[in-house]
Amino acid sequence: MARNLRTDTEPEERPLMSSPTSTATQAETEGFTHRQILMIMSGLMLGMFLAALDQTIVATALPTIVGDFHRSDLLSWVITAYLLASTASTPLWGKAGDLYGRKRVFQLAIVVFLVASALCGASQNMFELIAFRGLQGVGGGGLLSLAFAIIGDVIPPRERGRYQGYFGAVFGVSSVVGPLAGGFAVDNLSWRYIFYVNLPLGIVALIVTNRVLRLPVRKREVKIDWLGALLLVAGVSCILLATQLGGENYPWGSWQIIGLFALGALVIAGFVLREAKAPEPILPLALFRIQIFSVSNIIAFVSGIAMFGALAFLPQYLQLVHGVSATISGLLLLPLLVGLLSMSISSGLYISRTGRYRWFPLAGTTGVTIGLVLLSRLGAHTSLLVVSLDILVFGLGLGLFMQVLTLVVQNAVPMTQMGVATSSVTFFRSMGGAIGASALGAVLTAGIAAELPRFLPRAALAGGGNSGSKVAQLVQSPAALDALKRTNPALHEGIIQAYSHAIDRMFIAAVPVSLLSVIAALFIRQVKLRTSNAVPRTPADGVPAGAAVAGSAPSAAPAPSAEETGSAPPAPGGMH
């Protein structure tokens, strides 16, 4: 394992290895037994689970939090602060892992996340909570990107598929457990426990990774591109702030929003120019010359807009229209977990057995698009069985391609750039999700405003000058809307009809965006999956793969045979 993983490194002490058996996999013969891999993954999955859970658990507690602090005007910033910090810091963590060794940097991310969680739980006002949520987001960005990169260090691409279901399980379980745990804490304990619950989980993750994770430690001179890091964080923050504030605090056409978008684009352009000259770039531009790397990040970004944006509003639909509790709405998302896990496991096993992955991103993005079409037909009285089946289709699509994108990118790049390449997929997916949640949220808000006059009498909207705003508040409060069902059934019916039609508009708006990911998936090429984590060399000239990155478009992995490439189309120039 020391020779295979070595790239200008010195290995740490390794755990004792069991003797390989006749049934040992390639991963086992390279240095880790199946049991050791599962132990390593348990620590990584706990870290990933912390970050993924925190994206969903807070939403159900937000009304209670702002009620305690009496600052409803700052509600969105509790989520926005985490989102900004997490997305902007993701590439920085990936680069730090490449430079300093991923184990110690991953453990640092856990510590940052735990300290921030404790501070969030102890917050005395909204400003403290928002600041500590930002710090928590910094740690969360490292947990997700570094966990995937470490998996790439431990398991060769050809063997990674058999463990793929575990990765999908983290996100599927968090999407269900988050609303459940948040609802339980609010109903039975205190909202502060949604942050305190991270502490024991994080401590276990630290112990496990410290005991079982043995990776090479880098021993070379490094230069951090601080200017590039500053430009990246500033540019991403401007764009995400514009998407978060647009339609809520300022009109989309206002000079504030247009100015933020323009400033963000200008700063990102400066970041690109800086990266072209930096000796240790945060995101090496040469990686985008690898066709699979570019296409996979396009799919991650576009699909993130559609799927994360859409998923953010399903619990709201279930609570407002069907009148279920936050806990029950979490349980109703179980079909998403079933679909994601079943397809993630089966596709992973198939990839490990055959080495072929090309059609999974296409099938997955197609499945997500079909799921969005089905969800666009939700009504005020659609049965929960139909809703569950639609969510199942959506989950099946997600399971087919979410983890495959990370796998193919890790297979295509040099081992020395595994961390930054892996974090790029997480970064672009997070960027897409952040933009999608904001943009589709604006579509939903505009749809509600347009649909309410269709289903409510004018007196209900304009009577007394305040009724219109009261109706808008009802659409944001499941408890108030449920009470209205008993006191004014006609008004309640009109509101849920308007909301149902508005959310249908939102899902329809997500469909063409999702179709773009289907088109991009057509350009995924079949490349032979490495069966070793040794530093790959291009077979043509024998130079290290890292040198090939700066050259032509083919990946650093060994060249595929005709049988492996099949009918894959050539790399399109526009994708480079």
Protein backbone atom coordinates (compact mmCIF):
# COMPACT_ATOMS: atom_id res chain seq x y z
CA MET A 1 0.00 0.00 0.00
CA ALA A 2 2.91 2.32 0.69
CA ARG A 3 4.23 1.94 -2.85
CA ASN A 4 0.83 2.10 -4.46
CA LEU A 5 -0.33 5.23 -2.71
CA ARG A 6 3.00 6.98 -2.62
CA THR A 7 3.31 10.34 -4.36
CA ASP A 8 6.10 12.37 -2.74
CA THR A 9 5.01 10.98 0.60
CA GLU A 10 6.17 8.98 3.56
CA PRO A 11 3.73 6.40 4.92
CA GLU A 12 2.41 6.37 8.43
CA GLU A 13 2.36 3.21 10.47
CA ARG A 14 -0.13 0.75 9.05
CA PRO A 15 -2.42 -1.70 10.81
CA LEU A 16 -1.52 -5.35 10.62
CA MET A 17 -2.92 -6.99 7.53
CA SER A 18 -4.58 -10.33 7.38
CA SER A 19 -3.31 -12.81 4.85
CA PRO A 20 -5.06 -12.51 1.52
CA THR A 21 -7.34 -15.37 0.67
CA SER A 22 -8.27 -16.82 -2.67
CA THR A 23 -11.33 -14.63 -2.68
CA ALA A 24 -9.52 -11.41 -1.79
CA THR A 25 -10.40 -8.44 -3.93
CA GLN A 26 -7.88 -6.18 -5.59
CA ALA A 27 -8.46 -3.63 -2.84
CA GLU A 28 -7.60 -6.22 -0.21
CA THR A 29 -4.38 -7.32 -1.92
CA GLU A 30 -3.29 -3.68 -2.20
CA GLY A 31 -3.20 -3.15 1.55
CA PHE A 32 -6.63 -3.20 3.22
CA THR A 33 -8.86 -6.14 4.00
CA HIS A 34 -12.60 -5.89 3.47
CA ARG A 35 -13.06 -5.55 7.24
CA GLN A 36 -10.50 -2.76 7.46
CA ILE A 37 -12.18 -0.91 4.60
CA LEU A 38 -15.54 -1.15 6.38
CA MET A 39 -13.97 0.19 9.57
CA ILE A 40 -12.43 3.12 7.69
CA MET A 41 -15.71 3.81 5.93
CA SER A 42 -17.59 3.82 9.24
CA GLY A 43 -15.55 6.81 10.39
CA LEU A 44 -15.83 8.57 7.05
CA MET A 45 -19.57 7.94 6.84
CA LEU A 46 -20.10 9.39 10.32
CA GLY A 47 -18.33 12.55 9.21
CA MET A 48 -20.32 12.71 5.98
CA PHE A 49 -23.52 12.04 7.89
CA LEU A 50 -22.85 14.98 10.21
CA ALA A 51 -22.55 17.40 7.29
CA ALA A 52 -25.46 15.93 5.32
CA LEU A 53 -27.74 15.78 8.38
CA ASP A 54 -27.11 19.41 9.25
CA GLN A 55 -28.44 20.49 5.86
CA THR A 56 -31.87 19.03 6.66
CA ILE A 57 -32.30 18.92 10.43
CA VAL A 58 -32.30 22.70 10.93
CA ALA A 59 -35.21 23.42 8.58
CA THR A 60 -37.88 21.94 10.86
CA ALA A 61 -36.59 23.87 13.88
CA LEU A 62 -36.32 27.28 12.21
CA PRO A 63 -39.80 28.55 13.16
CA THR A 64 -39.12 27.73 16.83
CA ILE A 65 -35.65 29.29 16.73
CA VAL A 66 -36.83 32.61 15.28
CA GLY A 67 -39.73 32.56 17.72
CA ASP A 68 -37.32 32.30 20.67
CA PHE A 69 -35.12 35.11 19.38
CA HIS A 70 -37.96 37.21 17.89
CA ARG A 71 -36.04 37.86 14.65
CA SER A 72 -38.08 36.30 11.85
CA ASP A 73 -36.42 38.72 9.41
CA LEU A 74 -33.14 36.80 9.82
CA LEU A 75 -34.61 33.32 9.37
CA SER A 76 -33.15 32.62 5.93
CA TRP A 77 -29.65 33.60 7.06
CA VAL A 78 -29.44 30.60 9.39
CA ILE A 79 -29.42 28.41 6.28
CA THR A 80 -27.65 30.87 3.99
CA ALA A 81 -24.62 31.28 6.30
CA TYR A 82 -24.03 27.51 6.35
CA LEU A 83 -24.57 27.22 2.61
CA LEU A 84 -22.19 30.04 1.75
CA ALA A 85 -19.38 28.81 3.98
CA SER A 86 -19.77 25.15 3.02
CA THR A 87 -19.82 25.72 -0.74
CA ALA A 88 -17.04 28.31 -0.83
CA SER A 89 -14.68 26.30 1.39
CA THR A 90 -15.09 22.93 -0.37
CA PRO A 91 -12.28 23.38 -2.95
CA LEU A 92 -9.97 24.76 -0.25
CA TRP A 93 -10.35 21.63 1.87
CA GLY A 94 -9.70 19.44 -1.17
CA LYS A 95 -6.49 21.30 -1.96
CA ALA A 96 -5.37 21.23 1.67
CA GLY A 97 -5.86 17.46 1.71
CA ASP A 98 -3.70 17.08 -1.39
CA LEU A 99 -0.94 19.19 0.16
CA TYR A 100 -0.90 18.11 3.82
CA GLY A 101 -2.46 14.66 3.87
CA ARG A 102 -6.17 13.93 4.00
CA LYS A 103 -6.36 12.19 7.35
CA ARG A 104 -5.18 15.12 9.45
CA VAL A 105 -7.15 17.65 7.38
CA PHE A 106 -10.32 15.51 7.65
CA GLN A 107 -9.90 15.36 11.42
CA LEU A 108 -9.42 19.13 11.50
CA ALA A 109 -12.71 19.51 9.62
CA ILE A 110 -14.43 17.33 12.25
CA VAL A 111 -13.02 19.46 15.08
CA VAL A 112 -14.12 22.70 13.39
CA PHE A 113 -17.59 21.25 12.85
CA LEU A 114 -17.92 20.06 16.47
CA VAL A 115 -16.74 23.35 17.99
CA ALA A 116 -19.16 25.26 15.78
CA SER A 117 -22.01 22.87 16.68
CA ALA A 118 -21.44 23.44 20.40
CA LEU A 119 -21.38 27.20 19.83
CA CYS A 120 -24.58 27.06 17.74
CA GLY A 121 -26.36 25.22 20.53
CA ALA A 122 -25.22 27.81 23.07
CA SER A 123 -26.14 30.85 20.93
CA GLN A 124 -27.96 33.63 22.78
CA ASN A 125 -29.20 35.59 19.78
CA MET A 126 -29.69 35.27 16.03
CA PHE A 127 -26.47 37.06 15.14
CA GLU A 128 -24.40 34.60 17.17
CA LEU A 129 -26.27 31.66 15.64
CA ILE A 130 -25.71 32.94 12.10
CA ALA A 131 -21.98 33.48 12.71
CA PHE A 132 -21.52 30.04 14.25
CA ARG A 133 -23.56 28.44 11.45
CA GLY A 134 -21.04 29.95 9.04
CA LEU A 135 -18.19 28.34 10.98
CA GLN A 136 -20.12 25.07 10.99
CA GLY A 137 -20.45 25.32 7.21
CA VAL A 138 -16.67 25.65 6.89
CA GLY A 139 -16.27 22.32 8.70
CA GLY A 140 -19.12 20.72 6.76
CA GLY A 141 -17.52 21.57 3.43
CA GLY A 142 -14.42 19.65 4.46
CA LEU A 143 -16.31 16.63 5.78
CA LEU A 144 -18.06 15.92 2.49
CA SER A 145 -15.25 16.56 0.03
CA LEU A 146 -12.45 14.93 2.02
CA ALA A 147 -14.44 11.79 2.85
CA PHE A 148 -14.92 11.04 -0.85
CA ALA A 149 -11.25 11.77 -1.54
CA ILE A 150 -10.09 9.41 1.23
CA ILE A 151 -12.31 6.68 -0.19
CA GLY A 152 -10.50 7.28 -3.48
CA ASP A 153 -7.17 6.73 -1.67
CA VAL A 154 -8.25 3.51 -0.01
CA ILE A 155 -10.26 1.72 -2.70
CA PRO A 156 -9.22 1.45 -6.37
CA PRO A 157 -11.92 2.62 -8.82
CA ARG A 158 -12.69 -0.88 -10.11
CA GLU A 159 -13.48 -2.10 -6.58
CA ARG A 160 -15.23 1.05 -5.41
CA GLY A 161 -18.61 0.12 -6.84
CA ARG A 162 -19.21 -2.65 -4.30
CA TYR A 163 -19.07 -0.02 -1.53
CA GLN A 164 -21.08 2.56 -3.46
CA GLY A 165 -24.35 1.82 -1.69
CA TYR A 166 -22.86 2.91 1.62
CA PHE A 167 -22.13 6.36 0.21
CA GLY A 168 -25.66 6.76 -1.09
CA ALA A 169 -27.03 5.55 2.24
CA VAL A 170 -25.51 8.53 4.04
CA PHE A 171 -27.41 11.07 1.95
CA GLY A 172 -30.59 9.03 1.77
CA VAL A 173 -30.73 8.42 5.53
CA SER A 174 -29.90 12.07 6.31
CA SER A 175 -32.73 13.28 4.07
CA VAL A 176 -35.17 11.21 6.13
CA VAL A 177 -33.59 11.33 9.60
CA GLY A 178 -32.99 15.10 9.43
CA PRO A 179 -36.65 16.18 9.42
CA LEU A 180 -37.51 13.37 11.84
CA ALA A 181 -34.82 14.27 14.37
CA GLY A 182 -35.50 17.99 14.01
CA GLY A 183 -39.20 17.52 14.58
CA PHE A 184 -38.61 15.26 17.59
CA ALA A 185 -36.15 17.69 19.21
CA VAL A 186 -38.51 20.64 18.76
CA ASP A 187 -41.54 18.73 20.04
CA ASN A 188 -39.93 16.97 23.01
CA LEU A 189 -36.63 18.63 23.95
CA SER A 190 -35.21 21.93 22.69
CA TRP A 191 -34.07 23.18 19.32
CA ARG A 192 -30.55 23.41 20.78
CA TYR A 193 -30.30 19.61 20.71
CA ILE A 194 -30.28 19.59 16.90
CA PHE A 195 -26.74 20.96 17.26
CA TYR A 196 -25.69 19.10 20.40
CA VAL A 197 -26.49 15.74 18.79
CA ASN A 198 -23.48 16.29 16.52
CA LEU A 199 -21.05 16.13 19.45
CA PRO A 200 -21.14 12.40 20.31
CA LEU A 201 -21.31 11.43 16.63
CA GLY A 202 -18.33 13.61 15.79
CA ILE A 203 -16.26 12.31 18.70
CA VAL A 204 -16.88 8.73 17.56
CA ALA A 205 -15.86 9.71 14.02
CA LEU A 206 -12.61 11.21 15.37
CA ILE A 207 -11.80 8.08 17.38
CA VAL A 208 -12.52 5.71 14.50
CA THR A 209 -10.54 7.65 11.91
CA ASN A 210 -7.62 8.05 14.31
CA ARG A 211 -7.46 4.32 15.02
CA VAL A 212 -8.05 2.75 11.62
CA LEU A 213 -7.18 5.31 8.95
CA ARG A 214 -3.57 5.05 7.79
CA LEU A 215 -2.73 7.20 4.77
CA PRO A 216 0.55 8.64 3.49
CA VAL A 217 1.68 11.96 4.98
CA ARG A 218 3.04 14.48 2.49
CA LYS A 219 6.60 15.71 3.01
CA ARG A 220 7.09 18.42 0.40
CA GLU A 221 7.32 22.16 0.25
CA VAL A 222 3.90 23.71 -0.36
CA LYS A 223 2.68 27.16 -1.24
CA ILE A 224 -0.91 28.01 -0.44
CA ASP A 225 -2.54 30.21 -3.05
CA TRP A 226 -4.09 32.61 -0.56
CA LEU A 227 -5.04 35.16 -3.21
CA GLY A 228 -6.79 32.46 -5.25
CA ALA A 229 -8.59 31.26 -2.12
CA LEU A 230 -9.75 34.80 -1.32
CA LEU A 231 -10.99 35.38 -4.88
CA LEU A 232 -12.85 32.05 -4.94
CA VAL A 233 -14.59 32.62 -1.61
CA ALA A 234 -15.50 36.20 -2.54
CA GLY A 235 -16.80 35.32 -6.00
CA VAL A 236 -18.88 32.34 -4.86
CA SER A 237 -20.25 34.33 -1.91
CA CYS A 238 -21.42 37.15 -4.18
CA ILE A 239 -23.25 34.76 -6.50
CA LEU A 240 -24.85 32.78 -3.69
CA LEU A 241 -25.86 35.94 -1.87
CA ALA A 242 -27.54 37.20 -5.03
CA THR A 243 -29.51 33.96 -5.38
CA GLN A 244 -30.48 34.00 -1.70
CA LEU A 245 -31.51 37.67 -1.54
CA GLY A 246 -33.15 37.87 -4.96
CA GLY A 247 -36.94 37.79 -4.82
CA GLU A 248 -36.90 37.91 -1.02
CA ASN A 249 -35.08 41.03 0.17
CA TYR A 250 -34.71 42.71 -3.23
CA PRO A 251 -36.40 42.29 -6.63
CA TRP A 252 -34.45 40.17 -9.13
CA GLY A 253 -34.07 43.18 -11.41
CA SER A 254 -32.82 45.52 -8.68
CA TRP A 255 -29.37 47.07 -8.88
CA GLN A 256 -28.37 45.25 -5.70
CA ILE A 257 -28.96 41.77 -7.17
CA ILE A 258 -27.62 42.59 -10.62
CA GLY A 259 -24.61 44.21 -8.99
CA LEU A 260 -23.91 41.12 -6.86
CA PHE A 261 -24.10 38.84 -9.90
CA ALA A 262 -21.83 41.16 -11.90
CA LEU A 263 -19.34 41.48 -9.05
CA GLY A 264 -19.34 37.71 -8.52
CA ALA A 265 -18.69 37.07 -12.23
CA LEU A 266 -15.88 39.64 -12.23
CA VAL A 267 -14.21 38.14 -9.16
CA ILE A 268 -14.54 34.59 -10.54
CA ALA A 269 -12.89 35.79 -13.76
CA GLY A 270 -10.05 37.16 -11.61
CA PHE A 271 -9.85 33.77 -9.86
CA VAL A 272 -9.48 32.00 -13.22
CA LEU A 273 -6.66 34.34 -14.27
CA ARG A 274 -4.96 33.81 -10.92
CA GLU A 275 -5.22 30.00 -11.14
CA ALA A 276 -3.57 30.02 -14.56
CA LYS A 277 -0.40 31.48 -12.97
CA ALA A 278 -0.41 30.14 -9.41
CA PRO A 279 2.28 27.52 -8.60
CA GLU A 280 -0.17 25.59 -6.36
CA PRO A 281 -3.62 26.49 -7.75
CA ILE A 282 -6.70 25.84 -5.64
CA LEU A 283 -8.49 24.39 -8.67
CA PRO A 284 -5.99 23.50 -11.43
CA LEU A 285 -7.44 24.68 -14.72
CA ALA A 286 -5.58 21.91 -16.57
CA LEU A 287 -8.04 19.42 -15.05
CA PHE A 288 -10.79 20.87 -17.23
CA ARG A 289 -8.88 19.60 -20.27
CA ILE A 290 -9.83 16.11 -19.15
CA GLN A 291 -13.13 15.53 -20.91
CA ILE A 292 -14.66 13.28 -18.23
CA PHE A 293 -13.76 15.76 -15.50
CA SER A 294 -15.44 18.65 -17.33
CA VAL A 295 -18.57 16.74 -18.30
CA SER A 296 -19.03 15.23 -14.82
CA ASN A 297 -18.86 18.66 -13.20
CA ILE A 298 -21.38 20.04 -15.70
CA ILE A 299 -23.76 17.19 -14.82
CA ALA A 300 -23.16 17.73 -11.08
CA PHE A 301 -23.92 21.45 -11.37
CA VAL A 302 -27.02 21.18 -13.60
CA SER A 303 -28.50 18.18 -11.79
CA GLY A 304 -27.84 19.92 -8.47
CA ILE A 305 -30.05 22.82 -9.58
CA ALA A 306 -32.93 20.48 -10.41
CA MET A 307 -32.75 17.82 -7.74
CA PHE A 308 -31.70 19.70 -4.60
CA GLY A 309 -33.89 22.64 -5.50
CA ALA A 310 -36.89 20.38 -5.93
CA LEU A 311 -36.21 18.21 -2.88
CA ALA A 312 -36.10 21.26 -0.61
CA PHE A 313 -39.84 21.84 -1.07
CA LEU A 314 -41.32 18.32 -0.85
CA PRO A 315 -41.59 18.34 2.98
CA GLN A 316 -43.27 21.74 2.79
CA TYR A 317 -45.84 20.41 0.33
CA LEU A 318 -46.59 17.41 2.55
CA GLN A 319 -46.99 19.55 5.69
CA LEU A 320 -49.03 22.37 4.14
CA VAL A 321 -51.26 20.52 1.70
CA HIS A 322 -51.68 17.16 3.40
CA GLY A 323 -51.50 18.54 6.93
CA VAL A 324 -48.98 15.98 8.22
CA SER A 325 -46.48 16.74 10.99
CA ALA A 326 -42.80 17.38 10.40
CA THR A 327 -42.07 13.88 11.67
CA ILE A 328 -44.56 12.23 9.31
CA SER A 329 -43.32 14.29 6.35
CA GLY A 330 -39.86 12.84 7.03
CA LEU A 331 -41.26 9.31 7.05
CA LEU A 332 -43.04 9.96 3.76
CA LEU A 333 -39.64 10.59 2.18
CA LEU A 334 -38.61 6.98 2.88
CA PRO A 335 -39.33 5.97 -0.77
CA LEU A 336 -36.55 8.36 -1.74
CA LEU A 337 -34.17 6.42 0.51
CA VAL A 338 -35.38 3.07 -0.86
CA GLY A 339 -34.91 4.15 -4.46
CA LEU A 340 -31.54 5.76 -3.85
CA LEU A 341 -30.14 2.80 -1.90
CA SER A 342 -31.43 0.07 -4.23
CA MET A 343 -30.04 1.69 -7.37
CA SER A 344 -26.81 2.84 -5.74
CA ILE A 345 -26.05 -0.67 -4.49
CA SER A 346 -27.07 -2.51 -7.66
CA SER A 347 -25.27 -0.10 -9.99
CA GLY A 348 -22.16 -0.23 -7.81
CA LEU A 349 -22.07 -4.03 -7.87
CA TYR A 350 -22.52 -4.03 -11.65
CA ILE A 351 -19.68 -1.52 -12.12
CA SER A 352 -17.35 -3.56 -9.90
CA ARG A 353 -18.19 -6.73 -11.82
CA THR A 354 -17.95 -5.34 -15.35
CA GLY A 355 -15.99 -2.11 -15.10
CA ARG A 356 -18.61 -0.36 -17.22
CA TYR A 357 -20.29 2.81 -15.98
CA ARG A 358 -21.05 4.96 -19.00
CA TRP A 359 -24.83 4.52 -19.16
CA PHE A 360 -25.57 5.03 -15.50
CA PRO A 361 -25.34 8.86 -15.53
CA LEU A 362 -27.62 8.92 -18.58
CA ALA A 363 -30.16 6.54 -17.03
CA GLY A 364 -30.00 8.37 -13.69
CA THR A 365 -30.49 11.88 -15.07
CA THR A 366 -33.33 10.55 -17.22
CA GLY A 367 -34.94 8.99 -14.14
CA VAL A 368 -34.65 12.25 -12.20
CA THR A 369 -36.26 14.12 -15.10
CA ILE A 370 -39.15 11.64 -15.25
CA GLY A 371 -39.55 11.98 -11.48
CA LEU A 372 -39.80 15.76 -11.82
CA VAL A 373 -42.47 15.38 -14.52
CA LEU A 374 -44.47 13.09 -12.22
CA LEU A 375 -44.08 15.49 -9.30
CA SER A 376 -45.37 18.34 -11.47
CA ARG A 377 -48.78 16.61 -11.41
CA LEU A 378 -49.24 16.86 -7.64
CA GLY A 379 -52.62 18.16 -6.58
CA ALA A 380 -54.28 19.31 -3.40
CA HIS A 381 -55.84 15.87 -2.92
CA THR A 382 -53.31 13.58 -4.58
CA SER A 383 -53.13 10.41 -2.52
CA LEU A 384 -50.03 9.92 -0.42
CA LEU A 385 -49.48 6.59 -2.18
CA VAL A 386 -49.12 8.36 -5.53
CA VAL A 387 -46.85 10.97 -3.98
CA SER A 388 -44.68 8.18 -2.53
CA LEU A 389 -44.43 6.43 -5.90
CA ASP A 390 -43.38 9.69 -7.58
CA ILE A 391 -40.73 10.24 -4.91
CA LEU A 392 -39.56 6.63 -5.42
CA VAL A 393 -38.96 7.26 -9.14
CA PHE A 394 -37.01 10.38 -8.26
CA GLY A 395 -34.89 8.42 -5.77
CA LEU A 396 -34.21 5.64 -8.27
CA GLY A 397 -32.79 8.19 -10.67
CA LEU A 398 -30.58 9.76 -7.99
CA GLY A 399 -29.17 6.40 -6.96
CA LEU A 400 -28.08 5.59 -10.50
CA PHE A 401 -25.68 8.46 -10.98
CA MET A 402 -24.88 10.51 -7.84
CA GLN A 403 -21.91 8.42 -6.73
CA VAL A 404 -20.88 7.39 -10.24
CA LEU A 405 -19.85 10.96 -11.04
CA THR A 406 -17.36 10.97 -8.17
CA LEU A 407 -16.05 7.56 -9.21
CA VAL A 408 -15.36 8.49 -12.83
CA VAL A 409 -13.69 11.78 -11.89
CA GLN A 410 -11.40 10.06 -9.38
CA ASN A 411 -10.53 7.47 -12.01
CA ALA A 412 -9.67 10.12 -14.60
CA VAL A 413 -7.28 12.37 -12.66
CA PRO A 414 -3.78 11.81 -11.26
CA MET A 415 -3.62 10.51 -7.70
CA THR A 416 -1.73 13.67 -6.67
CA GLN A 417 -4.85 15.72 -7.50
CA MET A 418 -7.45 13.32 -6.14
CA GLY A 419 -8.58 15.66 -3.38
CA VAL A 420 -9.11 18.78 -5.46
CA ALA A 421 -10.81 16.80 -8.24
CA THR A 422 -13.17 15.08 -5.80
CA SER A 423 -14.00 18.33 -4.05
CA SER A 424 -14.81 19.92 -7.41
CA VAL A 425 -17.74 17.54 -7.93
CA THR A 426 -19.05 18.34 -4.45
CA PHE A 427 -18.46 22.05 -5.07
CA PHE A 428 -20.34 22.21 -8.36
CA ARG A 429 -23.18 20.08 -7.02
CA SER A 430 -23.48 22.34 -3.96
CA MET A 431 -23.38 25.45 -6.14
CA GLY A 432 -26.13 24.02 -8.32
CA GLY A 433 -28.19 23.08 -5.29
CA ALA A 434 -27.83 26.51 -3.71
CA ILE A 435 -28.78 28.29 -6.92
CA GLY A 436 -31.59 25.82 -7.61
CA ALA A 437 -33.12 26.15 -4.15
CA SER A 438 -33.17 29.94 -4.47
CA ALA A 439 -34.33 30.11 -8.08
CA LEU A 440 -37.02 27.46 -7.71
CA GLY A 441 -38.07 29.03 -4.43
CA ALA A 442 -38.60 32.28 -6.31
CA VAL A 443 -40.67 30.39 -8.90
CA LEU A 444 -42.78 28.90 -6.11
CA THR A 445 -43.30 32.27 -4.41
CA ALA A 446 -44.31 33.91 -7.69
CA GLY A 447 -46.60 30.97 -8.44
CA ILE A 448 -48.38 31.30 -5.10
CA ALA A 449 -48.93 35.02 -5.68
CA ALA A 450 -50.35 34.27 -9.13
CA GLU A 451 -52.56 31.36 -8.08
CA LEU A 452 -54.12 32.76 -4.90
CA PRO A 453 -56.43 35.21 -6.79
CA ARG A 454 -57.70 32.28 -8.86
CA PHE A 455 -58.87 30.25 -5.87
CA LEU A 456 -59.73 32.84 -3.21
CA PRO A 457 -62.42 35.52 -3.24
CA ARG A 458 -61.18 39.08 -3.57
CA ALA A 459 -62.43 39.88 -0.07
CA ALA A 460 -60.16 37.22 1.42
CA LEU A 461 -57.13 38.75 -0.28
CA ALA A 462 -57.82 42.45 0.14
CA GLY A 463 -60.35 42.84 2.93
CA GLY A 464 -59.21 45.21 5.63
CA GLY A 465 -55.88 45.77 3.92
CA ASN A 466 -54.15 43.03 5.91
CA SER A 467 -55.88 39.88 4.76
CA GLY A 468 -53.53 39.44 1.81
CA SER A 469 -50.48 39.38 4.05
CA LYS A 470 -52.28 37.09 6.49
CA VAL A 471 -52.96 34.60 3.68
CA ALA A 472 -49.28 34.71 2.71
CA GLN A 473 -48.34 33.97 6.31
CA LEU A 474 -50.72 31.00 6.38
CA VAL A 475 -48.88 29.47 3.42
CA GLN A 476 -45.68 29.53 5.50
CA SER A 477 -47.21 28.05 8.67
CA PRO A 478 -48.45 24.43 8.61
CA ALA A 479 -49.96 24.76 12.12
CA ALA A 480 -51.92 27.92 11.27
CA LEU A 481 -53.14 26.43 8.00
CA ASP A 482 -54.25 23.26 9.75
CA ALA A 483 -56.20 25.33 12.29
CA LEU A 484 -57.85 27.21 9.43
CA LYS A 485 -59.17 23.90 8.10
CA ARG A 486 -61.43 23.67 11.14
CA THR A 487 -62.51 27.31 11.31
CA ASN A 488 -62.83 28.19 7.61
CA PRO A 489 -62.77 25.08 5.36
CA ALA A 490 -63.52 27.05 2.18
CA LEU A 491 -60.57 29.40 2.68
CA HIS A 492 -58.34 26.46 3.57
CA GLU A 493 -59.32 24.63 0.38
CA GLY A 494 -58.56 27.67 -1.75
CA ILE A 495 -55.11 28.10 -0.21
CA ILE A 496 -54.01 24.49 -0.65
CA GLN A 497 -55.32 24.47 -4.23
CA ALA A 498 -53.29 27.60 -4.98
CA TYR A 499 -50.19 26.15 -3.33
CA SER A 500 -50.53 22.84 -5.20
CA HIS A 501 -50.74 24.58 -8.56
CA ALA A 502 -47.77 26.78 -7.63
CA ILE A 503 -45.55 23.85 -6.67
CA ASP A 504 -46.53 22.13 -9.92
CA ARG A 505 -45.20 25.18 -11.74
CA MET A 506 -41.97 24.89 -9.80
CA PHE A 507 -41.41 21.24 -10.73
CA ILE A 508 -42.23 22.00 -14.37
CA ALA A 509 -39.60 24.77 -14.30
CA ALA A 510 -37.05 22.22 -13.05
CA VAL A 511 -37.70 19.80 -15.93
CA PRO A 512 -35.86 21.65 -18.74
CA VAL A 513 -32.93 22.24 -16.38
CA SER A 514 -32.81 18.52 -15.66
CA LEU A 515 -32.92 17.79 -19.39
CA LEU A 516 -29.65 19.68 -19.74
CA SER A 517 -28.03 17.13 -17.41
CA VAL A 518 -29.41 14.33 -19.61
CA ILE A 519 -27.79 15.93 -22.66
CA ALA A 520 -24.50 16.35 -20.83
CA ALA A 521 -24.60 12.70 -19.72
CA LEU A 522 -24.54 11.65 -23.39
CA PHE A 523 -20.94 12.83 -23.53
CA ILE A 524 -19.68 10.66 -20.65
CA ARG A 525 -16.98 8.41 -22.10
CA GLN A 526 -16.15 4.86 -21.05
CA VAL A 527 -12.58 4.70 -19.71
CA LYS A 528 -11.00 1.64 -18.15
CA LEU A 529 -11.31 1.73 -14.36
CA ARG A 530 -7.99 1.46 -12.53
CA THR A 531 -7.53 -1.71 -10.53
CA SER A 532 -4.70 -0.15 -8.56
CA ASN A 533 -4.16 3.12 -6.73
CA ALA A 534 -0.62 3.37 -8.05
CA VAL A 535 0.21 6.66 -9.72
CA PRO A 536 -1.07 6.07 -13.29
CA ARG A 537 1.17 6.59 -16.31
CA THR A 538 0.11 7.28 -19.84
CA PRO A 539 0.90 4.16 -21.90
CA ALA A 540 1.91 6.15 -24.95
CA ASP A 541 4.94 7.99 -23.68
CA GLY A 542 5.44 6.65 -20.15
CA VAL A 543 5.40 10.06 -18.49
CA PRO A 544 3.59 10.49 -15.18
CA ALA A 545 -0.11 11.03 -15.53
CA GLY A 546 0.16 14.42 -13.96
CA ALA A 547 2.05 15.58 -17.00
CA ALA A 548 -0.69 14.37 -19.27
CA VAL A 549 -3.19 16.66 -17.61
CA ALA A 550 -1.61 19.69 -19.08
CA GLY A 551 -1.71 18.17 -22.50
CA SER A 552 -4.48 16.51 -24.39
CA ALA A 553 -8.01 15.75 -23.29
CA PRO A 554 -7.73 12.03 -22.49
CA SER A 555 -7.73 11.15 -18.84
CA ALA A 556 -4.74 10.11 -16.81
CA ALA A 557 -6.17 6.62 -16.52
CA PRO A 558 -4.90 3.92 -18.89
CA ALA A 559 -6.29 4.21 -22.39
CA PRO A 560 -9.49 2.22 -22.93
CA SER A 561 -9.69 -0.62 -25.35
CA ALA A 562 -12.20 -0.72 -28.16
CA GLU A 563 -14.34 -3.10 -26.14
CA GLU A 564 -14.36 -0.73 -23.16
CA THR A 565 -15.18 2.39 -25.10
CA GLY A 566 -17.94 0.73 -27.06
CA SER A 567 -19.88 3.35 -28.97
CA ALA A 568 -18.84 6.27 -26.80
CA PRO A 569 -18.84 9.51 -28.79
CA PRO A 570 -15.64 11.50 -29.19
CA ALA A 571 -14.94 14.35 -26.82
CA PRO A 572 -16.88 17.42 -27.97
CA GLY A 573 -14.79 20.53 -28.27
CA GLY A 574 -17.42 22.63 -26.55
CA MET A 575 -17.15 20.56 -23.39
CA HIS A 576 -13.47 21.34 -22.79
